[in-house]
């Protein structure tokens, strides 16, 4: 899918199909364009080429720590927000460099803060 002007592009990283499909559906319902990866390596390559507004993943991803470490060390991607949606989380709480949000509707708020 190509990015529509004015609609933020989100990179979803999830290795389980039905979970990734649900994440993608929620994002599209909230007005985001979406690209998908199933691994940390695939996510890094895709992020380098499409430059998403943020990466959405989950902490149970087998390669989550590897993804976080590689992003932090990457000169062009180190400031790219990585988000985990957790309904029980306090908005903008942190898990290392990753931001926890309570729902998909909170992404717009995070992106607005990033622009300031």
PDB file of N, CA and C in Angstrom:
ATOM      1  N   UNK A   1       0.849  -1.180   0.000  1.00  0.00           N
ATOM      2  CA  UNK A   1       0.000   0.000   0.000  1.00  0.00           C
ATOM      3  C   UNK A   1       0.890   1.237   0.000  1.00  0.00           C
ATOM      4  N   UNK A   2       0.543   2.206  -0.804  1.00  0.00           N
ATOM      5  CA  UNK A   2       1.299   3.444  -0.831  1.00  0.00           C
ATOM      6  C   UNK A   2       0.704   4.426   0.176  1.00  0.00           C
ATOM      7  N   UNK A   3       1.537   5.345   0.629  1.00  0.00           N
ATOM      8  CA  UNK A   3       1.126   6.307   1.634  1.00  0.00           C
ATOM      9  C   UNK A   3       0.329   7.432   0.983  1.00  0.00           C
ATOM     10  N   UNK A   4      -0.864   7.715   1.530  1.00  0.00           N
ATOM     11  CA  UNK A   4      -1.650   8.863   1.090  1.00  0.00           C
ATOM     12  C   UNK A   4      -1.096  10.098   1.771  1.00  0.00           C
ATOM     13  N   UNK A   5      -1.009  11.214   1.032  1.00  0.00           N
ATOM     14  CA  UNK A   5      -0.521  12.451   1.630  1.00  0.00           C
ATOM     15  C   UNK A   5      -1.438  12.854   2.780  1.00  0.00           C
ATOM     16  N   UNK A   6      -0.830  13.249   3.879  1.00  0.00           N
ATOM     17  CA  UNK A   6      -1.600  13.698   5.029  1.00  0.00           C
ATOM     18  C   UNK A   6      -1.974  12.589   5.996  1.00  0.00           C
ATOM     19  N   UNK A   7      -1.843  11.349   5.601  1.00  0.00           N
ATOM     20  CA  UNK A   7      -2.153  10.227   6.501  1.00  0.00           C
ATOM     21  C   UNK A   7      -0.846   9.618   6.975  1.00  0.00           C
ATOM     22  N   UNK A   8      -0.614   9.594   8.278  1.00  0.00           N
ATOM     23  CA  UNK A   8       0.633   9.014   8.785  1.00  0.00           C
ATOM     24  C   UNK A   8       0.746   7.536   8.409  1.00  0.00           C
ATOM     25  N   UNK A   9       1.973   7.138   8.147  1.00  0.00           N
ATOM     26  CA  UNK A   9       2.276   5.752   7.811  1.00  0.00           C
ATOM     27  C   UNK A   9       2.816   5.059   9.051  1.00  0.00           C
ATOM     28  N   UNK A  10       2.215   3.922   9.394  1.00  0.00           N
ATOM     29  CA  UNK A  10       2.627   3.141  10.557  1.00  0.00           C
ATOM     30  C   UNK A  10       3.160   1.799  10.080  1.00  0.00           C
ATOM     31  N   UNK A  11       4.294   1.412  10.625  1.00  0.00           N
ATOM     32  CA  UNK A  11       4.881   0.095  10.356  1.00  0.00           C
ATOM     33  C   UNK A  11       4.497  -0.843  11.495  1.00  0.00           C
ATOM     34  N   UNK A  12       3.767  -1.894  11.177  1.00  0.00           N
ATOM     35  CA  UNK A  12       3.359  -2.897  12.159  1.00  0.00           C
ATOM     36  C   UNK A  12       4.345  -4.056  12.090  1.00  0.00           C
ATOM     37  N   UNK A  13       4.889  -4.425  13.247  1.00  0.00           N
ATOM     38  CA  UNK A  13       5.822  -5.548  13.319  1.00  0.00           C
ATOM     39  C   UNK A  13       5.218  -6.598  14.247  1.00  0.00           C
ATOM     40  N   UNK A  14       4.815  -7.703  13.673  1.00  0.00           N
ATOM     41  CA  UNK A  14       4.195  -8.787  14.438  1.00  0.00           C
ATOM     42  C   UNK A  14       4.337 -10.066  13.641  1.00  0.00           C
ATOM     43  N   UNK A  15       4.760 -11.141  14.315  1.00  0.00           N
ATOM     44  CA  UNK A  15       5.005 -12.396  13.616  1.00  0.00           C
ATOM     45  C   UNK A  15       3.791 -13.317  13.547  1.00  0.00           C
ATOM     46  N   UNK A  16       2.753 -13.063  14.320  1.00  0.00           N
ATOM     47  CA  UNK A  16       1.563 -13.907  14.308  1.00  0.00           C
ATOM     48  C   UNK A  16       0.499 -13.233  13.437  1.00  0.00           C
ATOM     49  N   UNK A  17       0.075 -13.944  12.394  1.00  0.00           N
ATOM     50  CA  UNK A  17      -0.811 -13.363  11.382  1.00  0.00           C
ATOM     51  C   UNK A  17      -2.078 -12.743  11.953  1.00  0.00           C
ATOM     52  N   UNK A  18      -2.819 -13.469  12.795  1.00  0.00           N
ATOM     53  CA  UNK A  18      -4.118 -12.954  13.253  1.00  0.00           C
ATOM     54  C   UNK A  18      -3.961 -11.740  14.166  1.00  0.00           C
ATOM     55  N   UNK A  19      -2.866 -11.681  14.911  1.00  0.00           N
ATOM     56  CA  UNK A  19      -2.619 -10.501  15.751  1.00  0.00           C
ATOM     57  C   UNK A  19      -2.255  -9.316  14.861  1.00  0.00           C
ATOM     58  N   UNK A  20      -1.353  -9.548  13.898  1.00  0.00           N
ATOM     59  CA  UNK A  20      -0.961  -8.486  12.974  1.00  0.00           C
ATOM     60  C   UNK A  20      -2.163  -7.969  12.183  1.00  0.00           C
ATOM     61  N   UNK A  21      -3.024  -8.878  11.731  1.00  0.00           N
ATOM     62  CA  UNK A  21      -4.219  -8.469  10.993  1.00  0.00           C
ATOM     63  C   UNK A  21      -5.110  -7.567  11.841  1.00  0.00           C
ATOM     64  N   UNK A  22      -5.258  -7.888  13.117  1.00  0.00           N
ATOM     65  CA  UNK A  22      -6.064  -7.069  14.018  1.00  0.00           C
ATOM     66  C   UNK A  22      -5.448  -5.698  14.236  1.00  0.00           C
ATOM     67  N   UNK A  23      -4.136  -5.653  14.373  1.00  0.00           N
ATOM     68  CA  UNK A  23      -3.442  -4.381  14.545  1.00  0.00           C
ATOM     69  C   UNK A  23      -3.617  -3.507  13.300  1.00  0.00           C
ATOM     70  N   UNK A  24      -3.447  -4.109  12.145  1.00  0.00           N
ATOM     71  CA  UNK A  24      -3.580  -3.383  10.881  1.00  0.00           C
ATOM     72  C   UNK A  24      -5.007  -2.858  10.726  1.00  0.00           C
ATOM     73  N   UNK A  25      -5.987  -3.691  11.024  1.00  0.00           N
ATOM     74  CA  UNK A  25      -7.386  -3.274  10.912  1.00  0.00           C
ATOM     75  C   UNK A  25      -7.674  -2.082  11.826  1.00  0.00           C
ATOM     76  N   UNK A  26      -7.225  -2.147  13.064  1.00  0.00           N
ATOM     77  CA  UNK A  26      -7.443  -1.048  14.012  1.00  0.00           C
ATOM     78  C   UNK A  26      -6.792   0.240  13.516  1.00  0.00           C
ATOM     79  N   UNK A  27      -5.583   0.138  13.021  1.00  0.00           N
ATOM     80  CA  UNK A  27      -4.888   1.329  12.522  1.00  0.00           C
ATOM     81  C   UNK A  27      -5.621   1.945  11.335  1.00  0.00           C
ATOM     82  N   UNK A  28      -6.044   1.127  10.417  1.00  0.00           N
ATOM     83  CA  UNK A  28      -6.754   1.648   9.243  1.00  0.00           C
ATOM     84  C   UNK A  28      -8.075   2.287   9.652  1.00  0.00           C
ATOM     85  N   UNK A  29      -8.755   1.700  10.626  1.00  0.00           N
ATOM     86  CA  UNK A  29     -10.001   2.288  11.128  1.00  0.00           C
ATOM     87  C   UNK A  29      -9.761   3.647  11.785  1.00  0.00           C
ATOM     88  N   UNK A  30      -8.565   3.852  12.285  1.00  0.00           N
ATOM     89  CA  UNK A  30      -8.209   5.131  12.902  1.00  0.00           C
ATOM     90  C   UNK A  30      -7.541   6.095  11.918  1.00  0.00           C
ATOM     91  N   UNK A  31      -7.521   5.745  10.637  1.00  0.00           N
ATOM     92  CA  UNK A  31      -7.070   6.674   9.607  1.00  0.00           C
ATOM     93  C   UNK A  31      -5.597   6.643   9.267  1.00  0.00           C
ATOM     94  N   UNK A  32      -4.921   5.539   9.535  1.00  0.00           N
ATOM     95  CA  UNK A  32      -3.497   5.434   9.221  1.00  0.00           C
ATOM     96  C   UNK A  32      -3.275   4.551   8.010  1.00  0.00           C
ATOM     97  N   UNK A  33      -2.240   4.855   7.254  1.00  0.00           N
ATOM     98  CA  UNK A  33      -1.745   3.940   6.240  1.00  0.00           C
ATOM     99  C   UNK A  33      -0.818   2.971   6.950  1.00  0.00           C
ATOM    100  N   UNK A  34      -0.739   1.755   6.464  1.00  0.00           N
ATOM    101  CA  UNK A  34      -0.010   0.713   7.180  1.00  0.00           C
ATOM    102  C   UNK A  34       0.864  -0.090   6.230  1.00  0.00           C
ATOM    103  N   UNK A  35       2.079  -0.393   6.691  1.00  0.00           N
ATOM    104  CA  UNK A  35       2.934  -1.396   6.064  1.00  0.00           C
ATOM    105  C   UNK A  35       3.247  -2.418   7.142  1.00  0.00           C
ATOM    106  N   UNK A  36       3.589  -3.626   6.731  1.00  0.00           N
ATOM    107  CA  UNK A  36       3.727  -4.724   7.683  1.00  0.00           C
ATOM    108  C   UNK A  36       5.059  -5.441   7.547  1.00  0.00           C
ATOM    109  N   UNK A  37       5.563  -5.896   8.702  1.00  0.00           N
ATOM    110  CA  UNK A  37       6.748  -6.750   8.737  1.00  0.00           C
ATOM    111  C   UNK A  37       6.505  -7.842   9.779  1.00  0.00           C
ATOM    112  N   UNK A  38       7.154  -8.973   9.567  1.00  0.00           N
ATOM    113  CA  UNK A  38       6.970 -10.091  10.491  1.00  0.00           C
ATOM    114  C   UNK A  38       8.211 -10.370  11.331  1.00  0.00           C
ATOM    115  N   UNK A  39       9.267  -9.578  11.133  1.00  0.00           N
ATOM    116  CA  UNK A  39      10.510  -9.802  11.878  1.00  0.00           C
ATOM    117  C   UNK A  39      11.232  -8.481  12.093  1.00  0.00           C
ATOM    118  N   UNK A  40      12.180  -8.487  13.002  1.00  0.00           N
ATOM    119  CA  UNK A  40      12.980  -7.286  13.260  1.00  0.00           C
ATOM    120  C   UNK A  40      13.780  -6.894  12.021  1.00  0.00           C
ATOM    121  N   UNK A  41      14.381  -7.869  11.358  1.00  0.00           N
ATOM    122  CA  UNK A  41      15.181  -7.573  10.162  1.00  0.00           C
ATOM    123  C   UNK A  41      14.306  -6.976   9.069  1.00  0.00           C
ATOM    124  N   UNK A  42      13.137  -7.567   8.855  1.00  0.00           N
ATOM    125  CA  UNK A  42      12.221  -7.038   7.854  1.00  0.00           C
ATOM    126  C   UNK A  42      11.735  -5.641   8.206  1.00  0.00           C
ATOM    127  N   UNK A  43      11.501  -5.409   9.488  1.00  0.00           N
ATOM    128  CA  UNK A  43      11.046  -4.089   9.938  1.00  0.00           C
ATOM    129  C   UNK A  43      12.109  -3.029   9.707  1.00  0.00           C
ATOM    130  N   UNK A  44      13.351  -3.344   9.997  1.00  0.00           N
ATOM    131  CA  UNK A  44      14.431  -2.379   9.802  1.00  0.00           C
ATOM    132  C   UNK A  44      14.599  -2.021   8.326  1.00  0.00           C
ATOM    133  N   UNK A  45      14.580  -3.026   7.473  1.00  0.00           N
ATOM    134  CA  UNK A  45      14.727  -2.776   6.034  1.00  0.00           C
ATOM    135  C   UNK A  45      13.560  -1.927   5.520  1.00  0.00           C
ATOM    136  N   UNK A  46      12.359  -2.252   5.957  1.00  0.00           N
ATOM    137  CA  UNK A  46      11.188  -1.502   5.516  1.00  0.00           C
ATOM    138  C   UNK A  46      11.207  -0.076   6.062  1.00  0.00           C
ATOM    139  N   UNK A  47      11.576   0.095   7.329  1.00  0.00           N
ATOM    140  CA  UNK A  47      11.637   1.432   7.933  1.00  0.00           C
ATOM    141  C   UNK A  47      12.647   2.317   7.207  1.00  0.00           C
ATOM    142  N   UNK A  48      13.753   1.735   6.800  1.00  0.00           N
ATOM    143  CA  UNK A  48      14.750   2.508   6.059  1.00  0.00           C
ATOM    144  C   UNK A  48      14.206   2.997   4.726  1.00  0.00           C
ATOM    145  N   UNK A  49      13.380   2.184   4.078  1.00  0.00           N
ATOM    146  CA  UNK A  49      12.905   2.557   2.749  1.00  0.00           C
ATOM    147  C   UNK A  49      11.644   3.417   2.764  1.00  0.00           C
ATOM    148  N   UNK A  50      10.734   3.220   3.707  1.00  0.00           N
ATOM    149  CA  UNK A  50       9.470   3.967   3.667  1.00  0.00           C
ATOM    150  C   UNK A  50       9.356   5.064   4.715  1.00  0.00           C
ATOM    151  N   UNK A  51      10.239   5.070   5.710  1.00  0.00           N
ATOM    152  CA  UNK A  51      10.258   6.103   6.761  1.00  0.00           C
ATOM    153  C   UNK A  51       8.881   6.328   7.390  1.00  0.00           C
ATOM    154  N   UNK A  52       8.404   5.363   8.158  1.00  0.00           N
ATOM    155  CA  UNK A  52       7.091   5.509   8.791  1.00  0.00           C
ATOM    156  C   UNK A  52       7.109   6.580   9.884  1.00  0.00           C
ATOM    157  N   UNK A  53       5.912   7.009  10.284  1.00  0.00           N
ATOM    158  CA  UNK A  53       5.782   7.969  11.383  1.00  0.00           C
ATOM    159  C   UNK A  53       6.092   7.293  12.708  1.00  0.00           C
ATOM    160  N   UNK A  54       5.784   5.994  12.799  1.00  0.00           N
ATOM    161  CA  UNK A  54       6.103   5.217  13.992  1.00  0.00           C
ATOM    162  C   UNK A  54       6.029   3.743  13.690  1.00  0.00           C
ATOM    163  N   UNK A  55       6.548   2.949  14.630  1.00  0.00           N
ATOM    164  CA  UNK A  55       6.494   1.499  14.540  1.00  0.00           C
ATOM    165  C   UNK A  55       5.592   1.011  15.657  1.00  0.00           C
ATOM    166  N   UNK A  56       4.647   0.150  15.316  1.00  0.00           N
ATOM    167  CA  UNK A  56       3.773  -0.469  16.304  1.00  0.00           C
ATOM    168  C   UNK A  56       4.137  -1.936  16.390  1.00  0.00           C
ATOM    169  N   UNK A  57       4.394  -2.401  17.588  1.00  0.00           N
ATOM    170  CA  UNK A  57       4.757  -3.796  17.788  1.00  0.00           C
ATOM    171  C   UNK A  57       4.177  -4.252  19.116  1.00  0.00           C
ATOM    172  N   UNK A  58       4.620  -5.377  19.592  1.00  0.00           N
ATOM    173  CA  UNK A  58       4.231  -5.848  20.909  1.00  0.00           C
ATOM    174  C   UNK A  58       5.448  -6.459  21.574  1.00  0.00           C
ATOM    175  N   UNK A  59       5.474  -6.393  22.886  1.00  0.00           N
ATOM    176  CA  UNK A  59       6.661  -6.835  23.607  1.00  0.00           C
ATOM    177  C   UNK A  59       6.877  -8.334  23.559  1.00  0.00           C
ATOM    178  N   UNK A  60       5.866  -9.084  23.145  1.00  0.00           N
ATOM    179  CA  UNK A  60       6.004 -10.534  23.051  1.00  0.00           C
ATOM    180  C   UNK A  60       6.639 -10.976  21.737  1.00  0.00           C
ATOM    181  N   UNK A  61       6.855 -10.024  20.829  1.00  0.00           N
ATOM    182  CA  UNK A  61       7.519 -10.356  19.574  1.00  0.00           C
ATOM    183  C   UNK A  61       8.858 -11.009  19.906  1.00  0.00           C
ATOM    184  N   UNK A  62       9.128 -12.189  19.360  1.00  0.00           N
ATOM    185  CA  UNK A  62      10.369 -12.879  19.722  1.00  0.00           C
ATOM    186  C   UNK A  62      11.619 -12.018  19.552  1.00  0.00           C
ATOM    187  N   UNK A  63      11.617 -11.134  18.589  1.00  0.00           N
ATOM    188  CA  UNK A  63      12.804 -10.325  18.325  1.00  0.00           C
ATOM    189  C   UNK A  63      12.647  -8.883  18.818  1.00  0.00           C
ATOM    190  N   UNK A  64      11.724  -8.632  19.763  1.00  0.00           N
ATOM    191  CA  UNK A  64      11.475  -7.262  20.216  1.00  0.00           C
ATOM    192  C   UNK A  64      12.744  -6.577  20.707  1.00  0.00           C
ATOM    193  N   UNK A  65      13.495  -7.221  21.589  1.00  0.00           N
ATOM    194  CA  UNK A  65      14.711  -6.603  22.133  1.00  0.00           C
ATOM    195  C   UNK A  65      15.716  -6.319  21.016  1.00  0.00           C
ATOM    196  N   UNK A  66      15.836  -7.239  20.082  1.00  0.00           N
ATOM    197  CA  UNK A  66      16.743  -7.047  18.949  1.00  0.00           C
ATOM    198  C   UNK A  66      16.296  -5.851  18.112  1.00  0.00           C
ATOM    199  N   UNK A  67      14.998  -5.743  17.863  1.00  0.00           N
ATOM    200  CA  UNK A  67      14.461  -4.619  17.099  1.00  0.00           C
ATOM    201  C   UNK A  67      14.747  -3.302  17.818  1.00  0.00           C
ATOM    202  N   UNK A  68      14.466  -3.242  19.101  1.00  0.00           N
ATOM    203  CA  UNK A  68      14.689  -2.021  19.881  1.00  0.00           C
ATOM    204  C   UNK A  68      16.163  -1.623  19.866  1.00  0.00           C
ATOM    205  N   UNK A  69      17.045  -2.596  20.033  1.00  0.00           N
ATOM    206  CA  UNK A  69      18.487  -2.310  20.035  1.00  0.00           C
ATOM    207  C   UNK A  69      18.961  -1.814  18.664  1.00  0.00           C
ATOM    208  N   UNK A  70      18.508  -2.458  17.607  1.00  0.00           N
ATOM    209  CA  UNK A  70      18.926  -2.063  16.258  1.00  0.00           C
ATOM    210  C   UNK A  70      18.412  -0.676  15.898  1.00  0.00           C
ATOM    211  N   UNK A  71      17.168  -0.367  16.281  1.00  0.00           N
ATOM    212  CA  UNK A  71      16.626   0.966  16.018  1.00  0.00           C
ATOM    213  C   UNK A  71      17.403   2.028  16.781  1.00  0.00           C
ATOM    214  N   UNK A  72      17.693   1.764  18.034  1.00  0.00           N
ATOM    215  CA  UNK A  72      18.414   2.734  18.871  1.00  0.00           C
ATOM    216  C   UNK A  72      19.798   3.028  18.310  1.00  0.00           C
ATOM    217  N   UNK A  73      20.419   2.045  17.668  1.00  0.00           N
ATOM    218  CA  UNK A  73      21.771   2.211  17.131  1.00  0.00           C
ATOM    219  C   UNK A  73      21.786   2.770  15.703  1.00  0.00           C
ATOM    220  N   UNK A  74      20.627   2.871  15.079  1.00  0.00           N
ATOM    221  CA  UNK A  74      20.555   3.303  13.684  1.00  0.00           C
ATOM    222  C   UNK A  74      20.500   4.829  13.619  1.00  0.00           C
ATOM    223  N   UNK A  75      21.445   5.467  12.932  1.00  0.00           N
ATOM    224  CA  UNK A  75      21.487   6.938  12.926  1.00  0.00           C
ATOM    225  C   UNK A  75      20.245   7.611  12.356  1.00  0.00           C
ATOM    226  N   UNK A  76      19.599   7.007  11.366  1.00  0.00           N
ATOM    227  CA  UNK A  76      18.424   7.632  10.756  1.00  0.00           C
ATOM    228  C   UNK A  76      17.105   7.215  11.409  1.00  0.00           C
ATOM    229  N   UNK A  77      17.109   6.120  12.172  1.00  0.00           N
ATOM    230  CA  UNK A  77      15.860   5.614  12.743  1.00  0.00           C
ATOM    231  C   UNK A  77      15.795   5.712  14.264  1.00  0.00           C
ATOM    232  N   UNK A  78      16.856   6.179  14.889  1.00  0.00           N
ATOM    233  CA  UNK A  78      16.919   6.157  16.356  1.00  0.00           C
ATOM    234  C   UNK A  78      15.858   7.028  17.027  1.00  0.00           C
ATOM    235  N   UNK A  79      15.315   7.999  16.323  1.00  0.00           N
ATOM    236  CA  UNK A  79      14.294   8.872  16.907  1.00  0.00           C
ATOM    237  C   UNK A  79      12.871   8.453  16.515  1.00  0.00           C
ATOM    238  N   UNK A  80      12.766   7.372  15.772  1.00  0.00           N
ATOM    239  CA  UNK A  80      11.474   6.862  15.335  1.00  0.00           C
ATOM    240  C   UNK A  80      10.736   6.267  16.546  1.00  0.00           C
ATOM    241  N   UNK A  81       9.525   6.764  16.841  1.00  0.00           N
ATOM    242  CA  UNK A  81       8.805   6.215  17.996  1.00  0.00           C
ATOM    243  C   UNK A  81       8.413   4.759  17.778  1.00  0.00           C
ATOM    244  N   UNK A  82       8.608   3.958  18.810  1.00  0.00           N
ATOM    245  CA  UNK A  82       8.154   2.575  18.827  1.00  0.00           C
ATOM    246  C   UNK A  82       7.060   2.512  19.885  1.00  0.00           C
ATOM    247  N   UNK A  83       5.919   1.948  19.502  1.00  0.00           N
ATOM    248  CA  UNK A  83       4.732   1.964  20.347  1.00  0.00           C
ATOM    249  C   UNK A  83       4.221   0.545  20.569  1.00  0.00           C
ATOM    250  N   UNK A  84       3.759   0.304  21.789  1.00  0.00           N
ATOM    251  CA  UNK A  84       3.038  -0.915  22.136  1.00  0.00           C
ATOM    252  C   UNK A  84       1.679  -0.471  22.661  1.00  0.00           C
ATOM    253  N   UNK A  85       0.595  -1.070  22.152  1.00  0.00           N
ATOM    254  CA  UNK A  85      -0.741  -0.787  22.656  1.00  0.00           C
ATOM    255  C   UNK A  85      -1.040  -1.782  23.766  1.00  0.00           C
ATOM    256  N   UNK A  86      -1.371  -1.247  24.941  1.00  0.00           N
ATOM    257  CA  UNK A  86      -1.728  -2.070  26.088  1.00  0.00           C
ATOM    258  C   UNK A  86      -2.867  -1.357  26.819  1.00  0.00           C
ATOM    259  N   UNK A  87      -4.078  -1.913  26.774  1.00  0.00           N
ATOM    260  CA  UNK A  87      -5.225  -1.241  27.384  1.00  0.00           C
ATOM    261  C   UNK A  87      -5.038  -0.942  28.871  1.00  0.00           C
ATOM    262  N   UNK A  88      -4.150  -1.667  29.533  1.00  0.00           N
ATOM    263  CA  UNK A  88      -3.912  -1.449  30.959  1.00  0.00           C
ATOM    264  C   UNK A  88      -2.786  -0.448  31.229  1.00  0.00           C
ATOM    265  N   UNK A  89      -2.164   0.049  30.186  1.00  0.00           N
ATOM    266  CA  UNK A  89      -1.011   0.947  30.351  1.00  0.00           C
ATOM    267  C   UNK A  89      -1.456   2.372  30.632  1.00  0.00           C
ATOM    268  N   UNK A  90      -0.603   3.067  31.352  1.00  0.00           N
ATOM    269  CA  UNK A  90      -0.767   4.511  31.507  1.00  0.00           C
ATOM    270  C   UNK A  90      -0.195   5.128  30.244  1.00  0.00           C
ATOM    271  N   UNK A  91      -0.961   6.032  29.611  1.00  0.00           N
ATOM    272  CA  UNK A  91      -0.504   6.622  28.361  1.00  0.00           C
ATOM    273  C   UNK A  91       0.874   7.248  28.506  1.00  0.00           C
ATOM    274  N   UNK A  92       1.701   6.954  27.522  1.00  0.00           N
ATOM    275  CA  UNK A  92       3.065   7.464  27.401  1.00  0.00           C
ATOM    276  C   UNK A  92       4.001   6.932  28.473  1.00  0.00           C
ATOM    277  N   UNK A  93       3.606   5.871  29.165  1.00  0.00           N
ATOM    278  CA  UNK A  93       4.554   5.177  30.039  1.00  0.00           C
ATOM    279  C   UNK A  93       5.625   4.586  29.137  1.00  0.00           C
ATOM    280  N   UNK A  94       6.752   4.232  29.694  1.00  0.00           N
ATOM    281  CA  UNK A  94       7.865   3.748  28.886  1.00  0.00           C
ATOM    282  C   UNK A  94       8.250   2.327  29.271  1.00  0.00           C
ATOM    283  N   UNK A  95       8.637   1.591  28.262  1.00  0.00           N
ATOM    284  CA  UNK A  95       9.255   0.283  28.426  1.00  0.00           C
ATOM    285  C   UNK A  95      10.575   0.414  27.690  1.00  0.00           C
ATOM    286  N   UNK A  96      11.609   0.852  28.394  1.00  0.00           N
ATOM    287  CA  UNK A  96      12.855   1.219  27.736  1.00  0.00           C
ATOM    288  C   UNK A  96      12.598   2.449  26.888  1.00  0.00           C
ATOM    289  N   UNK A  97      12.907   2.377  25.605  1.00  0.00           N
ATOM    290  CA  UNK A  97      12.653   3.489  24.689  1.00  0.00           C
ATOM    291  C   UNK A  97      11.281   3.397  24.028  1.00  0.00           C
ATOM    292  N   UNK A  98      10.527   2.361  24.347  1.00  0.00           N
ATOM    293  CA  UNK A  98       9.226   2.140  23.740  1.00  0.00           C
ATOM    294  C   UNK A  98       8.143   2.843  24.547  1.00  0.00           C
ATOM    295  N   UNK A  99       7.190   3.448  23.831  1.00  0.00           N
ATOM    296  CA  UNK A  99       6.088   4.157  24.467  1.00  0.00           C
ATOM    297  C   UNK A  99       4.886   3.217  24.548  1.00  0.00           C
ATOM    298  N   UNK A 100       4.283   3.148  25.726  1.00  0.00           N
ATOM    299  CA  UNK A 100       3.066   2.365  25.910  1.00  0.00           C
ATOM    300  C   UNK A 100       1.867   3.296  25.785  1.00  0.00           C
ATOM    301  N   UNK A 101       0.880   2.886  25.009  1.00  0.00           N
ATOM    302  CA  UNK A 101      -0.357   3.645  24.870  1.00  0.00           C
ATOM    303  C   UNK A 101      -1.527   2.736  25.211  1.00  0.00           C
ATOM    304  N   UNK A 102      -2.591   3.328  25.737  1.00  0.00           N
ATOM    305  CA  UNK A 102      -3.744   2.533  26.173  1.00  0.00           C
ATOM    306  C   UNK A 102      -4.677   2.149  25.026  1.00  0.00           C
ATOM    307  N   UNK A 103      -4.571   2.813  23.880  1.00  0.00           N
ATOM    308  CA  UNK A 103      -5.441   2.473  22.759  1.00  0.00           C
ATOM    309  C   UNK A 103      -4.959   3.100  21.465  1.00  0.00           C
ATOM    310  N   UNK A 104      -5.489   2.615  20.370  1.00  0.00           N
ATOM    311  CA  UNK A 104      -5.102   3.108  19.047  1.00  0.00           C
ATOM    312  C   UNK A 104      -5.459   4.579  18.867  1.00  0.00           C
ATOM    313  N   UNK A 105      -6.500   5.035  19.554  1.00  0.00           N
ATOM    314  CA  UNK A 105      -6.901   6.434  19.460  1.00  0.00           C
ATOM    315  C   UNK A 105      -5.856   7.377  20.052  1.00  0.00           C
ATOM    316  N   UNK A 106      -4.931   6.880  20.830  1.00  0.00           N
ATOM    317  CA  UNK A 106      -3.901   7.692  21.477  1.00  0.00           C
ATOM    318  C   UNK A 106      -2.694   7.941  20.566  1.00  0.00           C
ATOM    319  N   UNK A 107      -2.613   7.254  19.437  1.00  0.00           N
ATOM    320  CA  UNK A 107      -1.486   7.431  18.525  1.00  0.00           C
ATOM    321  C   UNK A 107      -1.440   8.854  17.986  1.00  0.00           C
ATOM    322  N   UNK A 108      -2.603   9.407  17.620  1.00  0.00           N
ATOM    323  CA  UNK A 108      -2.637  10.771  17.079  1.00  0.00           C
ATOM    324  C   UNK A 108      -2.059  11.755  18.090  1.00  0.00           C
ATOM    325  N   UNK A 109      -2.363  11.560  19.358  1.00  0.00           N
ATOM    326  CA  UNK A 109      -1.835  12.437  20.412  1.00  0.00           C
ATOM    327  C   UNK A 109      -0.307  12.330  20.474  1.00  0.00           C
ATOM    328  N   UNK A 110       0.211  11.124  20.410  1.00  0.00           N
ATOM    329  CA  UNK A 110       1.663  10.922  20.454  1.00  0.00           C
ATOM    330  C   UNK A 110       2.332  11.590  19.247  1.00  0.00           C
ATOM    331  N   UNK A 111       1.770  11.418  18.059  1.00  0.00           N
ATOM    332  CA  UNK A 111       2.359  12.023  16.869  1.00  0.00           C
ATOM    333  C   UNK A 111       2.312  13.548  16.935  1.00  0.00           C
ATOM    334  N   UNK A 112       1.264  14.098  17.531  1.00  0.00           N
ATOM    335  CA  UNK A 112       1.176  15.555  17.697  1.00  0.00           C
ATOM    336  C   UNK A 112       2.259  16.056  18.634  1.00  0.00           C
ATOM    337  N   UNK A 113       2.528  15.326  19.698  1.00  0.00           N
ATOM    338  CA  UNK A 113       3.593  15.696  20.633  1.00  0.00           C
ATOM    339  C   UNK A 113       4.943  15.642  19.937  1.00  0.00           C
ATOM    340  N   UNK A 114       5.168  14.602  19.118  1.00  0.00           N
ATOM    341  CA  UNK A 114       6.448  14.439  18.403  1.00  0.00           C
ATOM    342  C   UNK A 114       6.721  15.615  17.468  1.00  0.00           C
ATOM    343  N   UNK A 115       5.663  16.227  16.897  1.00  0.00           N
ATOM    344  CA  UNK A 115       5.847  17.339  15.963  1.00  0.00           C
ATOM    345  C   UNK A 115       6.232  18.618  16.663  1.00  0.00           C
ATOM    346  N   UNK A 116       5.967  18.720  17.957  1.00  0.00           N
ATOM    347  CA  UNK A 116       6.261  19.961  18.699  1.00  0.00           C
ATOM    348  C   UNK A 116       7.731  20.135  18.939  1.00  0.00           C
TER     349      UNK A 116
END
